[in-house]
Amino acid sequence: MLMTMKTSKIYKMIPMMRLSNRKRYLRKPLLLVLSFLFLTLSGNAAHILIPMDETQDNHLKAYGIAYWTLERDVEVNWLLNYRGGSFMAKHYSEIEDECIARGVSYEVIADVQANTILKEIANPDVNKDVIKLQKAPKIAVYQPKNKQPWDDAVTLVMEYAEIPHDIIYDPEVLDGVLPKYDWLHLHHEDFTGQYGKFWHAYKNTAWYQEDVRHNEELAQELGFSKVSQMKLSVAKRIKEFIAGGGYMFSMCSAPDSFDVALAAEGVDICDVMFDGDPIEPNAQQKLDYSKCLAFTDFSISTNPHEYEISSIDVTNNREANPENDYFKLFDFSAKWDPVPTMLTQDHENLIKGFMGQTTAFRKQYLKPDVTIMGQNKALKEARYIHGKFGKGTWTYLGGHDPEDYRHFIGDPPTDLNLHPNSPGYRLILNNILFPAAKKQKRKT
């Protein structure tokens, strides 16, 4: 089979060799290179399997290995519901070396074993499937350039897993950079222009005053009279990015503030301490829920002393004990619902809860077409939701940090060296790999 491959594909394999070998072989005639590759690959045909069940030493860095492999134009099979959502690719010594260097568990298996796994997964009677990952997605994180007194769980885990990403903020979004990216993350952000409703508790702190000053100056530089107008414009650009085929993942305060800002387009919902003038009369009645991605029929919080943006979030009224605060992942059909199946791959289906400025979403405010992927049924709250908009998708995960139950302002960042097998952080990383999936035809 190798003898019939196009020359361009042979050269794609050559970069996977060690640099010293590559230089030596490229100086020799192509026929010699072809002969060597044929003998080597036919004599040592094998795959590398990266298990994602309880046998994996470092689940988080395993995603980084999958991304690293895709960057080198090597296809990765994502084995949905097979040993916790394992990864499998053609064996190259460089991939094996990288697994060893990063402390990721792996198995080298013969072609016959790989084919047996694929045959097992293809059985229509089992809830498993294979998704081919083909191209490393280009990732952007929406994050302010000025220092913030909190960290971003997504940035933390991407740095830990060694997944490259760009930091962008309002100027870049409004300058039109989003189409360059496949995946965008939003975290601890308030798109309504109310600075997270931190005014009551933190108005006298240096970091809050600096944040207000920075955003007001930025709004003026970009031609807006109010921060709320700038944030709405940014939200609309992000919505256009999704409609055009982009993937957006959002956590903490970003999900509900994003939808609230969209619903309040043309309506002043900010009080005088946020934008210099009072809230518009009858602002609640003027909201347009049709502009939202996920939520509808919610009420906005007009009390500036309340640490809350709307009735979507459950934080202030939930009755949960930290010891038994969990949410359960839904079990989707891998062959018929591959997207939510990808997004819920984990070695555990009961995920430890964690709070945030937005902890979870009241189910009564979800639009009918929203897919709930994780919920606390007893508390009637959705924790992990997904939906389509135009040609793209959005995913919202409640809470701030999967390994810090109540992360306070000023707390140090979570040390992921202490949590290499975090089921909660795996949900984030599922979303990062999701855009790499080849679009599958529906099975018949």
Protein backbone atom coordinates (compact mmCIF):
# COMPACT_ATOMS: atom_id res chain seq x y z
CA MET A 1 0.00 0.00 0.00
CA LEU A 2 2.84 2.38 0.82
CA MET A 3 4.30 1.91 -2.69
CA THR A 4 1.21 3.55 -4.22
CA MET A 5 1.25 6.63 -1.97
CA LYS A 6 1.78 10.03 -3.60
CA THR A 7 5.22 11.58 -3.14
CA SER A 8 3.70 14.49 -1.16
CA LYS A 9 2.34 12.08 1.42
CA ILE A 10 5.73 10.40 1.78
CA TYR A 11 7.29 13.78 2.49
CA LYS A 12 4.58 14.42 5.10
CA MET A 13 5.89 11.38 6.97
CA ILE A 14 9.50 12.48 6.74
CA PRO A 15 9.11 15.46 9.17
CA MET A 16 8.04 12.99 11.87
CA MET A 17 11.58 11.51 11.83
CA ARG A 18 14.30 12.92 14.01
CA LEU A 19 15.97 16.03 12.53
CA SER A 20 19.33 14.33 12.03
CA ASN A 21 17.74 11.42 10.15
CA ARG A 22 15.58 13.79 8.06
CA LYS A 23 18.61 15.73 6.83
CA ARG A 24 20.45 12.53 5.95
CA TYR A 25 17.57 10.99 4.01
CA LEU A 26 16.65 14.13 2.12
CA ARG A 27 20.14 14.13 0.62
CA LYS A 28 19.63 10.65 -0.84
CA PRO A 29 17.66 9.74 -3.94
CA LEU A 30 13.89 9.51 -3.45
CA LEU A 31 13.95 5.83 -4.39
CA LEU A 32 16.18 5.02 -1.44
CA VAL A 33 13.89 6.97 0.89
CA LEU A 34 10.84 5.11 -0.40
CA SER A 35 12.55 1.76 0.04
CA PHE A 36 13.58 2.58 3.59
CA LEU A 37 10.13 3.76 4.56
CA PHE A 38 8.53 0.68 3.07
CA LEU A 39 10.81 -1.67 4.99
CA THR A 40 10.53 0.27 8.24
CA LEU A 41 6.77 0.79 8.28
CA SER A 42 5.86 -2.66 6.97
CA GLY A 43 8.13 -4.35 9.47
CA ASN A 44 6.99 -2.28 12.47
CA ALA A 45 3.38 -1.40 11.62
CA ALA A 46 1.87 -0.24 14.89
CA HIS A 47 -0.38 2.28 16.57
CA ILE A 48 -0.02 4.28 19.75
CA LEU A 49 -3.00 4.16 22.10
CA ILE A 50 -3.40 6.81 24.78
CA PRO A 51 -5.94 5.41 27.26
CA MET A 52 -8.21 7.92 29.02
CA ASP A 53 -9.67 5.65 31.69
CA GLU A 54 -8.40 5.24 35.25
CA THR A 55 -5.08 3.83 33.96
CA GLN A 56 -4.02 7.24 32.59
CA ASP A 57 -1.39 8.97 34.73
CA ASN A 58 -2.09 12.44 33.35
CA HIS A 59 -5.40 12.98 31.61
CA LEU A 60 -4.87 16.71 31.09
CA LYS A 61 -1.51 16.46 29.37
CA ALA A 62 -2.88 13.64 27.20
CA TYR A 63 -5.00 16.25 25.41
CA GLY A 64 -1.83 18.21 24.82
CA ILE A 65 -0.28 15.14 23.18
CA ALA A 66 -3.29 14.81 20.88
CA TYR A 67 -3.00 18.50 19.93
CA TRP A 68 0.78 18.22 19.42
CA THR A 69 0.24 15.24 17.12
CA LEU A 70 -2.35 17.12 15.04
CA GLU A 71 0.08 20.03 14.68
CA ARG A 72 2.39 17.62 12.87
CA ASP A 73 -0.29 16.61 10.36
CA VAL A 74 -0.84 13.18 11.87
CA GLU A 75 -4.48 12.13 12.16
CA VAL A 76 -5.75 11.18 15.62
CA ASN A 77 -8.69 8.85 16.21
CA TRP A 78 -10.83 9.91 19.17
CA LEU A 79 -12.37 6.67 20.45
CA LEU A 80 -15.63 7.87 21.96
CA ASN A 81 -16.71 5.90 25.03
CA TYR A 82 -13.77 3.52 24.63
CA ARG A 83 -11.75 3.48 27.85
CA GLY A 84 -12.83 6.96 28.84
CA GLY A 85 -12.50 8.50 25.38
CA SER A 86 -9.03 7.32 24.37
CA PHE A 87 -6.86 8.61 21.54
CA MET A 88 -5.15 6.44 18.91
CA ALA A 89 -2.77 7.32 16.08
CA LYS A 90 -0.17 5.73 13.85
CA HIS A 91 2.92 5.00 15.87
CA TYR A 92 5.90 7.31 15.50
CA SER A 93 8.80 7.32 17.92
CA GLU A 94 8.46 11.09 18.29
CA ILE A 95 4.92 10.73 19.69
CA GLU A 96 6.13 8.06 22.09
CA ASP A 97 9.04 10.25 23.21
CA GLU A 98 6.65 13.16 23.79
CA CYS A 99 4.37 10.99 25.94
CA ILE A 100 7.35 9.95 28.05
CA ALA A 101 8.55 13.55 28.40
CA ARG A 102 5.11 14.77 29.53
CA GLY A 103 4.29 11.83 31.80
CA VAL A 104 1.37 10.59 29.71
CA SER A 105 0.50 6.89 29.79
CA TYR A 106 0.43 5.12 26.43
CA GLU A 107 0.45 1.67 24.83
CA VAL A 108 2.10 0.63 21.59
CA ILE A 109 -0.17 -1.88 19.88
CA ALA A 110 0.10 -3.82 16.63
CA ASP A 111 -2.12 -3.08 13.66
CA VAL A 112 -4.15 -6.19 14.32
CA GLN A 113 -4.95 -4.94 17.86
CA ALA A 114 -5.90 -1.51 16.54
CA ASN A 115 -8.20 -3.09 13.95
CA THR A 116 -9.80 -5.21 16.66
CA ILE A 117 -10.54 -2.07 18.70
CA LEU A 118 -12.03 -0.32 15.67
CA LYS A 119 -14.14 -3.37 14.86
CA GLU A 120 -15.43 -3.47 18.44
CA ILE A 121 -16.33 0.20 18.29
CA ALA A 122 -18.08 -0.19 14.91
CA ASN A 123 -20.49 -2.78 16.35
CA PRO A 124 -23.93 -1.15 16.07
CA ASP A 125 -24.92 -2.69 19.40
CA VAL A 126 -22.33 -0.77 21.44
CA ASN A 127 -22.45 2.92 22.35
CA LYS A 128 -19.06 3.82 20.92
CA ASP A 129 -17.74 5.57 17.83
CA VAL A 130 -14.57 6.86 16.19
CA ILE A 131 -14.13 10.55 15.42
CA LYS A 132 -11.20 11.50 13.23
CA LEU A 133 -9.31 14.57 14.41
CA GLN A 134 -7.44 16.06 11.47
CA LYS A 135 -6.28 19.60 12.11
CA ALA A 136 -5.14 21.41 15.24
CA PRO A 137 -7.66 24.22 15.86
CA LYS A 138 -6.43 27.80 16.15
CA ILE A 139 -7.43 29.04 19.60
CA ALA A 140 -8.14 32.50 21.00
CA VAL A 141 -8.83 33.48 24.61
CA TYR A 142 -10.76 36.70 25.24
CA GLN A 143 -8.90 38.22 28.16
CA PRO A 144 -8.01 41.77 29.29
CA LYS A 145 -4.40 42.86 29.01
CA ASN A 146 -4.42 44.58 32.43
CA LYS A 147 -3.77 42.50 35.54
CA GLN A 148 -6.88 40.91 37.08
CA PRO A 149 -7.20 39.59 40.67
CA TRP A 150 -8.40 36.20 39.44
CA ASP A 151 -7.20 33.53 37.06
CA ASP A 152 -8.83 31.79 34.11
CA ALA A 153 -9.26 28.03 34.40
CA VAL A 154 -9.13 27.54 30.62
CA THR A 155 -5.88 29.46 30.26
CA LEU A 156 -4.45 27.52 33.21
CA VAL A 157 -5.26 24.14 31.70
CA MET A 158 -4.07 25.06 28.21
CA GLU A 159 -0.75 26.20 29.61
CA TYR A 160 -0.51 23.02 31.68
CA ALA A 161 -1.37 20.81 28.70
CA GLU A 162 1.00 22.87 26.49
CA ILE A 163 -1.70 23.85 24.00
CA PRO A 164 -0.83 27.10 22.15
CA HIS A 165 -3.33 29.96 22.13
CA ASP A 166 -3.54 33.69 21.50
CA ILE A 167 -4.82 36.32 23.95
CA ILE A 168 -7.22 38.82 22.38
CA TYR A 169 -9.51 41.50 23.79
CA ASP A 170 -11.90 44.22 22.67
CA PRO A 171 -9.55 46.03 20.22
CA GLU A 172 -8.67 42.81 18.41
CA VAL A 173 -12.28 41.59 18.26
CA LEU A 174 -13.53 44.91 16.91
CA ASP A 175 -10.62 44.98 14.47
CA GLY A 176 -11.98 41.76 12.91
CA VAL A 177 -9.49 39.09 13.99
CA LEU A 178 -12.03 36.41 14.97
CA PRO A 179 -12.34 34.75 11.53
CA LYS A 180 -8.68 33.74 11.87
CA TYR A 181 -9.60 31.42 14.74
CA ASP A 182 -11.56 28.19 15.06
CA TRP A 183 -12.26 28.37 18.79
CA LEU A 184 -12.87 31.25 21.20
CA HIS A 185 -13.03 31.18 24.98
CA LEU A 186 -14.78 33.68 27.28
CA HIS A 187 -14.42 33.46 31.05
CA HIS A 188 -14.72 35.95 33.91
CA GLU A 189 -16.23 38.79 31.90
CA ASP A 190 -19.26 41.07 32.17
CA PHE A 191 -20.59 42.01 28.74
CA THR A 192 -23.28 44.25 30.24
CA GLY A 193 -20.76 46.94 31.22
CA GLN A 194 -21.45 46.64 34.98
CA TYR A 195 -17.95 45.41 35.89
CA GLY A 196 -19.25 42.14 37.30
CA LYS A 197 -21.45 44.01 39.80
CA PHE A 198 -18.36 44.29 42.02
CA TRP A 199 -19.10 47.93 42.85
CA HIS A 200 -20.79 47.30 46.22
CA ALA A 201 -18.00 45.20 47.73
CA TYR A 202 -14.88 46.42 45.91
CA LYS A 203 -15.46 50.02 44.76
CA ASN A 204 -12.68 51.30 47.06
CA THR A 205 -10.06 48.74 46.02
CA ALA A 206 -7.21 49.65 43.69
CA TRP A 207 -7.85 46.77 41.29
CA TYR A 208 -11.53 47.71 40.78
CA GLN A 209 -10.75 51.38 40.21
CA GLU A 210 -8.01 50.44 37.74
CA ASP A 211 -10.38 48.10 35.89
CA VAL A 212 -12.99 50.86 35.53
CA ARG A 213 -10.37 53.37 34.38
CA HIS A 214 -8.88 50.93 31.86
CA ASN A 215 -12.26 50.02 30.33
CA GLU A 216 -13.48 53.62 30.14
CA GLU A 217 -10.29 54.73 28.41
CA LEU A 218 -10.48 51.76 26.05
CA ALA A 219 -14.10 52.54 25.17
CA GLN A 220 -13.19 56.14 24.34
CA GLU A 221 -10.22 55.05 22.22
CA LEU A 222 -12.51 52.74 20.25
CA GLY A 223 -15.14 55.42 19.70
CA PHE A 224 -17.76 54.50 22.32
CA SER A 225 -19.27 56.85 24.89
CA LYS A 226 -19.96 54.02 27.35
CA VAL A 227 -18.28 50.75 28.29
CA SER A 228 -21.63 48.96 27.94
CA GLN A 229 -21.82 50.05 24.28
CA MET A 230 -18.32 48.73 23.62
CA LYS A 231 -19.06 45.39 25.28
CA LEU A 232 -22.32 45.02 23.33
CA SER A 233 -20.47 45.63 20.08
CA VAL A 234 -17.91 42.99 21.05
CA ALA A 235 -20.69 40.53 21.95
CA LYS A 236 -22.33 41.06 18.57
CA ARG A 237 -19.00 40.41 16.79
CA ILE A 238 -18.61 37.19 18.75
CA LYS A 239 -22.15 36.17 17.83
CA GLU A 240 -21.30 36.78 14.16
CA PHE A 241 -18.18 34.62 14.62
CA ILE A 242 -20.35 31.74 15.84
CA ALA A 243 -22.90 32.22 13.06
CA GLY A 244 -20.09 32.01 10.51
CA GLY A 245 -18.94 28.63 11.79
CA GLY A 246 -16.89 29.41 14.89
CA TYR A 247 -16.86 27.49 18.15
CA MET A 248 -17.34 29.44 21.38
CA PHE A 249 -16.80 28.08 24.88
CA SER A 250 -17.70 30.15 27.93
CA MET A 251 -17.50 29.82 31.72
CA CYS A 252 -18.23 31.73 34.92
CA SER A 253 -19.88 35.15 34.46
CA ALA A 254 -19.47 35.28 30.68
CA PRO A 255 -22.38 32.99 29.63
CA ASP A 256 -25.27 34.85 31.24
CA SER A 257 -23.78 38.35 30.87
CA PHE A 258 -23.25 37.63 27.16
CA ASP A 259 -26.90 36.74 26.60
CA VAL A 260 -28.16 39.56 28.85
CA ALA A 261 -26.11 42.09 26.88
CA LEU A 262 -27.55 40.82 23.60
CA ALA A 263 -31.11 40.95 24.93
CA ALA A 264 -30.57 44.50 26.19
CA GLU A 265 -29.34 45.93 22.89
CA GLY A 266 -30.58 49.51 22.70
CA VAL A 267 -31.71 49.44 26.36
CA ASP A 268 -29.73 51.09 29.20
CA ILE A 269 -29.68 48.54 32.05
CA CYS A 270 -26.68 50.09 33.85
CA ASP A 271 -27.19 52.27 36.93
CA VAL A 272 -25.48 55.61 37.55
CA MET A 273 -22.39 54.18 39.33
CA PHE A 274 -21.60 52.09 36.23
CA ASP A 275 -22.16 54.52 33.36
CA GLY A 276 -23.00 57.93 34.82
CA ASP A 277 -26.77 57.86 34.34
CA PRO A 278 -29.68 55.80 35.78
CA ILE A 279 -31.28 52.67 34.36
CA GLU A 280 -33.75 53.28 31.57
CA PRO A 281 -37.41 53.19 32.73
CA ASN A 282 -39.13 49.84 32.08
CA ALA A 283 -35.84 48.30 30.98
CA GLN A 284 -37.01 44.82 31.88
CA GLN A 285 -40.02 45.01 29.55
CA LYS A 286 -37.81 46.13 26.66
CA LEU A 287 -35.52 43.08 26.61
CA ASP A 288 -35.48 41.08 23.37
CA TYR A 289 -34.84 37.42 24.20
CA SER A 290 -34.80 36.42 20.53
CA LYS A 291 -31.27 37.85 20.34
CA CYS A 292 -29.97 35.43 23.01
CA LEU A 293 -28.17 32.17 22.31
CA ALA A 294 -29.23 30.08 25.31
CA PHE A 295 -31.62 31.89 27.65
CA THR A 296 -35.09 33.41 27.58
CA ASP A 297 -37.68 35.05 29.85
CA PHE A 298 -35.15 35.91 32.56
CA SER A 299 -35.22 39.00 34.75
CA ILE A 300 -32.30 41.41 35.08
CA SER A 301 -31.03 42.45 38.49
CA THR A 302 -31.40 46.22 38.83
CA ASN A 303 -30.05 46.36 42.37
CA PRO A 304 -26.45 47.70 42.23
CA HIS A 305 -25.76 46.21 45.66
CA GLU A 306 -26.60 42.68 44.46
CA TYR A 307 -23.72 40.55 43.25
CA GLU A 308 -25.81 39.20 40.39
CA ILE A 309 -26.65 40.16 36.80
CA SER A 310 -29.89 38.26 36.24
CA SER A 311 -32.18 35.49 37.44
CA ILE A 312 -30.39 32.96 35.20
CA ASP A 313 -27.73 32.18 37.79
CA VAL A 314 -28.48 30.09 40.91
CA THR A 315 -25.56 31.15 43.12
CA ASN A 316 -27.39 33.31 45.67
CA ASN A 317 -30.25 30.91 46.32
CA ARG A 318 -28.90 27.38 45.94
CA GLU A 319 -28.94 24.98 48.87
CA ALA A 320 -25.94 22.73 48.33
CA ASN A 321 -23.41 21.25 50.69
CA PRO A 322 -19.86 21.35 49.28
CA GLU A 323 -19.40 17.74 50.37
CA ASN A 324 -22.21 16.43 48.16
CA ASP A 325 -22.33 19.08 45.43
CA TYR A 326 -22.03 17.13 42.17
CA PHE A 327 -23.52 17.24 38.71
CA LYS A 328 -24.07 14.29 36.40
CA LEU A 329 -23.05 14.08 32.76
CA PHE A 330 -25.65 12.78 30.33
CA ASP A 331 -24.96 9.59 28.39
CA PHE A 332 -25.45 10.39 24.70
CA SER A 333 -25.53 8.06 21.70
CA ALA A 334 -22.02 8.13 20.25
CA LYS A 335 -23.14 7.04 16.80
CA TRP A 336 -26.13 9.38 16.53
CA ASP A 337 -25.11 12.33 18.74
CA PRO A 338 -21.33 12.57 18.29
CA VAL A 339 -21.04 16.25 19.26
CA PRO A 340 -22.42 16.08 22.84
CA THR A 341 -20.70 12.70 23.18
CA MET A 342 -17.34 14.32 22.39
CA LEU A 343 -18.01 17.15 24.82
CA THR A 344 -18.83 14.77 27.69
CA GLN A 345 -15.93 12.31 27.33
CA ASP A 346 -14.60 11.58 30.81
CA HIS A 347 -13.40 8.81 33.08
CA GLU A 348 -16.13 9.82 35.56
CA ASN A 349 -19.72 10.81 34.86
CA LEU A 350 -20.34 12.39 38.27
CA ILE A 351 -18.42 15.67 38.37
CA LYS A 352 -17.56 17.51 41.57
CA GLY A 353 -19.37 20.86 41.66
CA PHE A 354 -17.60 24.22 41.82
CA MET A 355 -18.94 27.73 42.27
CA GLY A 356 -18.36 30.92 40.34
CA GLN A 357 -19.88 34.31 39.78
CA THR A 358 -22.29 32.27 37.67
CA THR A 359 -22.41 28.79 39.19
CA ALA A 360 -25.20 27.13 37.23
CA PHE A 361 -28.21 27.98 35.09
CA ARG A 362 -31.85 27.75 36.12
CA LYS A 363 -33.42 25.26 33.74
CA GLN A 364 -36.64 27.27 33.46
CA TYR A 365 -34.76 29.98 31.52
CA LEU A 366 -33.21 27.69 28.89
CA LYS A 367 -34.44 27.93 25.32
CA PRO A 368 -36.16 24.75 24.04
CA ASP A 369 -33.37 23.82 21.60
CA VAL A 370 -30.60 23.92 24.23
CA THR A 371 -28.90 20.58 24.92
CA ILE A 372 -28.25 19.93 28.62
CA MET A 373 -25.06 17.86 28.95
CA GLY A 374 -24.66 18.01 32.73
CA GLN A 375 -27.11 18.81 35.50
CA ASN A 376 -27.90 18.60 39.19
CA LYS A 377 -31.39 17.18 38.90
CA ALA A 378 -32.25 17.62 42.57
CA LEU A 379 -31.49 21.33 42.45
CA LYS A 380 -33.11 21.75 39.01
CA GLU A 381 -30.00 23.41 37.65
CA ALA A 382 -28.09 22.89 34.43
CA ARG A 383 -24.31 23.05 34.73
CA TYR A 384 -23.11 22.23 31.23
CA ILE A 385 -25.11 23.19 28.12
CA HIS A 386 -24.61 23.34 24.37
CA GLY A 387 -26.32 24.66 21.27
CA LYS A 388 -26.00 25.63 17.63
CA PHE A 389 -26.20 29.06 16.10
CA GLY A 390 -25.87 29.52 12.36
CA LYS A 391 -22.98 27.37 11.16
CA GLY A 392 -21.24 27.29 14.55
CA THR A 393 -21.80 26.20 18.12
CA TRP A 394 -21.57 27.53 21.66
CA THR A 395 -20.99 25.70 24.94
CA TYR A 396 -21.53 27.09 28.45
CA LEU A 397 -20.07 25.60 31.65
CA GLY A 398 -21.11 27.08 34.99
CA GLY A 399 -18.54 27.80 37.70
CA HIS A 400 -15.07 29.32 37.83
CA ASP A 401 -12.49 26.61 38.62
CA PRO A 402 -13.23 22.84 38.57
CA GLU A 403 -10.70 22.15 41.33
CA ASP A 404 -11.43 25.10 43.64
CA TYR A 405 -14.96 24.88 45.04
CA ARG A 406 -15.22 28.54 46.05
CA HIS A 407 -12.54 30.60 44.31
CA PHE A 408 -12.32 34.04 45.91
CA ILE A 409 -10.89 37.21 44.38
CA GLY A 410 -7.17 37.29 45.09
CA ASP A 411 -6.82 33.53 45.63
CA PRO A 412 -3.71 31.99 44.03
CA PRO A 413 -4.13 30.03 40.79
CA THR A 414 -4.86 26.32 41.07
CA ASP A 415 -1.73 24.16 40.75
CA LEU A 416 -2.75 21.58 38.14
CA ASN A 417 0.28 19.46 39.00
CA LEU A 418 -1.89 18.44 41.96
CA HIS A 419 -4.87 17.60 39.72
CA PRO A 420 -3.56 15.85 36.58
CA ASN A 421 -6.66 13.64 36.41
CA SER A 422 -9.33 16.28 37.03
CA PRO A 423 -12.68 15.20 35.51
CA GLY A 424 -13.91 18.80 35.57
CA TYR A 425 -10.92 20.16 33.68
CA ARG A 426 -11.37 17.38 31.13
CA LEU A 427 -14.68 18.97 30.10
CA ILE A 428 -12.78 22.13 29.13
CA LEU A 429 -10.24 20.18 27.11
CA ASN A 430 -12.95 18.23 25.28
CA ASN A 431 -14.12 21.58 23.93
CA ILE A 432 -10.63 22.53 22.79
CA LEU A 433 -10.27 19.38 20.66
CA PHE A 434 -13.86 19.43 19.40
CA PRO A 435 -13.18 21.79 16.44
CA ALA A 436 -10.51 19.38 15.14
CA ALA A 437 -13.13 16.75 14.38
CA LYS A 438 -13.82 15.88 10.78
CA LYS A 439 -17.49 16.45 10.02
CA GLN A 440 -19.10 13.02 10.06
CA LYS A 441 -21.95 11.88 7.87
CA ARG A 442 -24.92 10.67 9.84
CA LYS A 443 -24.97 6.89 10.03
CA THR A 444 -27.86 5.05 8.42
